[in-house]
C-alpha atoms as a PDB file:
ATOM      1  CA  MET A   1      68.517 135.516 -16.915  1.00  0.00           C
ATOM      2  CA  THR A   2      70.101 132.185 -18.109  1.00  0.00           C
ATOM      3  CA  ASP A   3      68.544 131.800 -21.609  1.00  0.00           C
ATOM      4  CA  CYS A   4      68.353 135.393 -22.621  1.00  0.00           C
ATOM      5  CA  LEU A   5      70.201 135.692 -25.813  1.00  0.00           C
ATOM      6  CA  PHE A   6      72.033 139.155 -25.197  1.00  0.00           C
ATOM      7  CA  CYS A   7      72.669 138.156 -20.940  1.00  0.00           C
ATOM      8  CA  LYS A   8      75.331 135.655 -22.714  1.00  0.00           C
ATOM      9  CA  MET A   9      77.007 138.223 -24.666  1.00  0.00           C
ATOM     10  CA  VAL A  10      77.546 140.384 -21.819  1.00  0.00           C
ATOM     11  CA  ASN A  11      78.237 137.248 -19.940  1.00  0.00           C
ATOM     12  CA  GLY A  12      81.050 136.026 -22.630  1.00  0.00           C
ATOM     13  CA  ASP A  13      79.051 133.225 -23.583  1.00  0.00           C
ATOM     14  CA  ILE A  14      78.861 134.739 -26.803  1.00  0.00           C
ATOM     15  CA  GLN A  15      80.638 136.345 -28.699  1.00  0.00           C
ATOM     16  CA  PRO A  16      78.886 139.460 -30.735  1.00  0.00           C
ATOM     17  CA  ASN A  17      80.876 141.720 -32.991  1.00  0.00           C
ATOM     18  CA  VAL A  18      81.303 144.739 -30.199  1.00  0.00           C
ATOM     19  CA  VAL A  19      81.963 148.211 -31.460  1.00  0.00           C
ATOM     20  CA  PHE A  20      81.654 149.567 -28.662  1.00  0.00           C
ATOM     21  CA  GLU A  21      81.466 148.458 -24.674  1.00  0.00           C
ATOM     22  CA  SER A  22      81.276 150.376 -21.256  1.00  0.00           C
ATOM     23  CA  ASP A  23      80.396 149.322 -17.492  1.00  0.00           C
ATOM     24  CA  ASP A  24      76.869 149.641 -18.499  1.00  0.00           C
ATOM     25  CA  VAL A  25      76.750 149.812 -22.075  1.00  0.00           C
ATOM     26  CA  LEU A  26      77.278 147.128 -24.764  1.00  0.00           C
ATOM     27  CA  ALA A  27      76.672 147.937 -28.924  1.00  0.00           C
ATOM     28  CA  PHE A  28      77.210 145.305 -31.610  1.00  0.00           C
ATOM     29  CA  HIS A  29      76.303 144.631 -34.947  1.00  0.00           C
ATOM     30  CA  ASP A  30      72.978 143.052 -35.265  1.00  0.00           C
ATOM     31  CA  ILE A  31      73.160 139.784 -37.473  1.00  0.00           C
ATOM     32  CA  ASP A  32      70.197 140.242 -39.316  1.00  0.00           C
ATOM     33  CA  PRO A  33      70.801 143.865 -40.675  1.00  0.00           C
ATOM     34  CA  LYS A  34      67.872 145.802 -42.198  1.00  0.00           C
ATOM     35  CA  ALA A  35      70.249 148.438 -43.212  1.00  0.00           C
ATOM     36  CA  PRO A  36      74.021 148.909 -44.359  1.00  0.00           C
ATOM     37  CA  VAL A  37      74.710 149.827 -41.011  1.00  0.00           C
ATOM     38  CA  HIS A  38      72.531 147.341 -38.009  1.00  0.00           C
ATOM     39  CA  ILE A  39      73.950 148.222 -34.745  1.00  0.00           C
ATOM     40  CA  LEU A  40      72.337 147.470 -31.440  1.00  0.00           C
ATOM     41  CA  ILE A  41      73.005 148.939 -27.800  1.00  0.00           C
ATOM     42  CA  ILE A  42      71.820 147.170 -24.900  1.00  0.00           C
ATOM     43  CA  PRO A  43      72.200 148.002 -21.283  1.00  0.00           C
ATOM     44  CA  LYS A  44      74.458 144.960 -19.506  1.00  0.00           C
ATOM     45  CA  ARG A  45      71.959 144.536 -17.000  1.00  0.00           C
ATOM     46  CA  HIS A  46      68.634 142.660 -17.935  1.00  0.00           C
ATOM     47  CA  ILE A  47      66.111 144.414 -18.395  1.00  0.00           C
ATOM     48  CA  SER A  48      63.093 142.940 -20.828  1.00  0.00           C
ATOM     49  CA  THR A  49      61.277 145.939 -21.885  1.00  0.00           C
ATOM     50  CA  LEU A  50      61.121 149.666 -22.411  1.00  0.00           C
ATOM     51  CA  ASN A  51      58.065 148.987 -20.013  1.00  0.00           C
ATOM     52  CA  ASP A  52      60.513 148.105 -17.522  1.00  0.00           C
ATOM     53  CA  LEU A  53      63.074 150.753 -18.117  1.00  0.00           C
ATOM     54  CA  ASP A  54      63.265 152.482 -14.748  1.00  0.00           C
ATOM     55  CA  ASP A  55      66.346 154.326 -14.662  1.00  0.00           C
ATOM     56  CA  ALA A  56      66.444 157.849 -16.584  1.00  0.00           C
ATOM     57  CA  GLU A  57      70.252 157.827 -16.784  1.00  0.00           C
ATOM     58  CA  LEU A  58      70.476 154.390 -18.324  1.00  0.00           C
ATOM     59  CA  GLY A  59      68.321 155.542 -20.958  1.00  0.00           C
ATOM     60  CA  GLY A  60      70.236 158.110 -21.624  1.00  0.00           C
ATOM     61  CA  GLN A  61      73.560 155.903 -22.127  1.00  0.00           C
ATOM     62  CA  LEU A  62      71.911 153.990 -24.498  1.00  0.00           C
ATOM     63  CA  LEU A  63      70.588 157.213 -26.526  1.00  0.00           C
ATOM     64  CA  GLN A  64      74.191 158.874 -26.446  1.00  0.00           C
ATOM     65  CA  THR A  65      76.117 155.472 -27.208  1.00  0.00           C
ATOM     66  CA  ALA A  66      73.746 155.649 -30.843  1.00  0.00           C
ATOM     67  CA  ALA A  67      74.820 159.342 -31.223  1.00  0.00           C
ATOM     68  CA  ARG A  68      78.427 158.723 -30.777  1.00  0.00           C
ATOM     69  CA  LEU A  69      78.479 155.888 -32.801  1.00  0.00           C
ATOM     70  CA  ALA A  70      77.142 157.801 -35.353  1.00  0.00           C
ATOM     71  CA  LYS A  71      79.522 160.946 -35.780  1.00  0.00           C
ATOM     72  CA  GLN A  72      82.117 157.935 -34.861  1.00  0.00           C
ATOM     73  CA  LEU A  73      81.615 155.635 -37.780  1.00  0.00           C
ATOM     74  CA  GLY A  74      80.816 159.084 -40.144  1.00  0.00           C
ATOM     75  CA  PHE A  75      76.814 158.887 -41.063  1.00  0.00           C
ATOM     76  CA  ALA A  76      75.952 161.009 -37.664  1.00  0.00           C
ATOM     77  CA  ASP A  77      75.521 164.288 -40.570  1.00  0.00           C
ATOM     78  CA  ASP A  78      73.858 162.308 -42.971  1.00  0.00           C
ATOM     79  CA  GLY A  79      71.379 160.680 -40.755  1.00  0.00           C
ATOM     80  CA  TYR A  80      70.083 157.609 -39.316  1.00  0.00           C
ATOM     81  CA  ARG A  81      67.360 156.030 -37.332  1.00  0.00           C
ATOM     82  CA  THR A  82      67.010 154.620 -33.960  1.00  0.00           C
ATOM     83  CA  VAL A  83      64.551 151.993 -32.627  1.00  0.00           C
ATOM     84  CA  PHE A  84      63.216 150.566 -29.201  1.00  0.00           C
ATOM     85  CA  ASN A  85      60.599 147.345 -30.171  1.00  0.00           C
ATOM     86  CA  CYS A  86      58.135 146.742 -27.267  1.00  0.00           C
ATOM     87  CA  ASN A  87      56.518 144.019 -26.930  1.00  0.00           C
ATOM     88  CA  LYS A  88      55.213 141.441 -29.785  1.00  0.00           C
ATOM     89  CA  MET A  89      52.714 144.264 -30.893  1.00  0.00           C
ATOM     90  CA  GLY A  90      55.699 146.054 -31.086  1.00  0.00           C
ATOM     91  CA  GLY A  91      58.127 143.448 -32.938  1.00  0.00           C
ATOM     92  CA  GLN A  92      60.318 142.946 -29.963  1.00  0.00           C
ATOM     93  CA  ALA A  93      61.499 139.416 -31.008  1.00  0.00           C
ATOM     94  CA  VAL A  94      64.109 139.384 -27.830  1.00  0.00           C
ATOM     95  CA  TYR A  95      63.318 140.200 -24.252  1.00  0.00           C
ATOM     96  CA  HIS A  96      66.281 141.908 -23.360  1.00  0.00           C
ATOM     97  CA  LEU A  97      66.082 145.724 -23.899  1.00  0.00           C
ATOM     98  CA  HIS A  98      67.445 146.989 -27.092  1.00  0.00           C
ATOM     99  CA  LEU A  99      68.255 150.104 -29.183  1.00  0.00           C
ATOM    100  CA  HIS A 100      68.070 149.327 -33.019  1.00  0.00           C
ATOM    101  CA  LEU A 101      70.924 152.047 -34.901  1.00  0.00           C
ATOM    102  CA  MET A 102      70.608 151.641 -38.221  1.00  0.00           C
ATOM    103  CA  ALA A 103      71.865 153.950 -41.373  1.00  0.00           C
ATOM    104  CA  GLY A 104      73.863 153.732 -44.637  1.00  0.00           C
ATOM    105  CA  ARG A 105      70.537 153.850 -46.428  1.00  0.00           C
ATOM    106  CA  GLN A 106      67.509 156.221 -46.989  1.00  0.00           C
ATOM    107  CA  MET A 107      65.131 155.268 -44.723  1.00  0.00           C
ATOM    108  CA  THR A 108      61.593 154.908 -45.291  1.00  0.00           C
ATOM    109  CA  TRP A 109      58.063 155.441 -42.757  1.00  0.00           C
ATOM    110  CA  PRO A 110      56.230 153.423 -41.791  1.00  0.00           C
ATOM    111  CA  ALA A 111      58.164 150.135 -43.010  1.00  0.00           C
ATOM    112  CA  GLY A 112      62.344 149.541 -42.759  1.00  0.00           C
END
């Protein structure tokens, strides 16, 4: 997609603050963090929403990346939150599938 913000990051048109990259996944710091640590984990292939994810292996890679980063960055034992927002009512703002990884403070439910 030519107008997708995250596709522009994958293509190198925009340079995010990358924390992890593989052949299929890119992880970078969110520019509007909701927690002291707020990382977005995306598939490099454009997938609009979680409803469109038809690749269980890729979905697993996104989740495994979150767990790996939590361990590497030192907050796995204290705890962290992972969130997929799906479509407008789910709070999705960028229509390229992304997993939020948040840590560094006590998370509350249902907000923040």
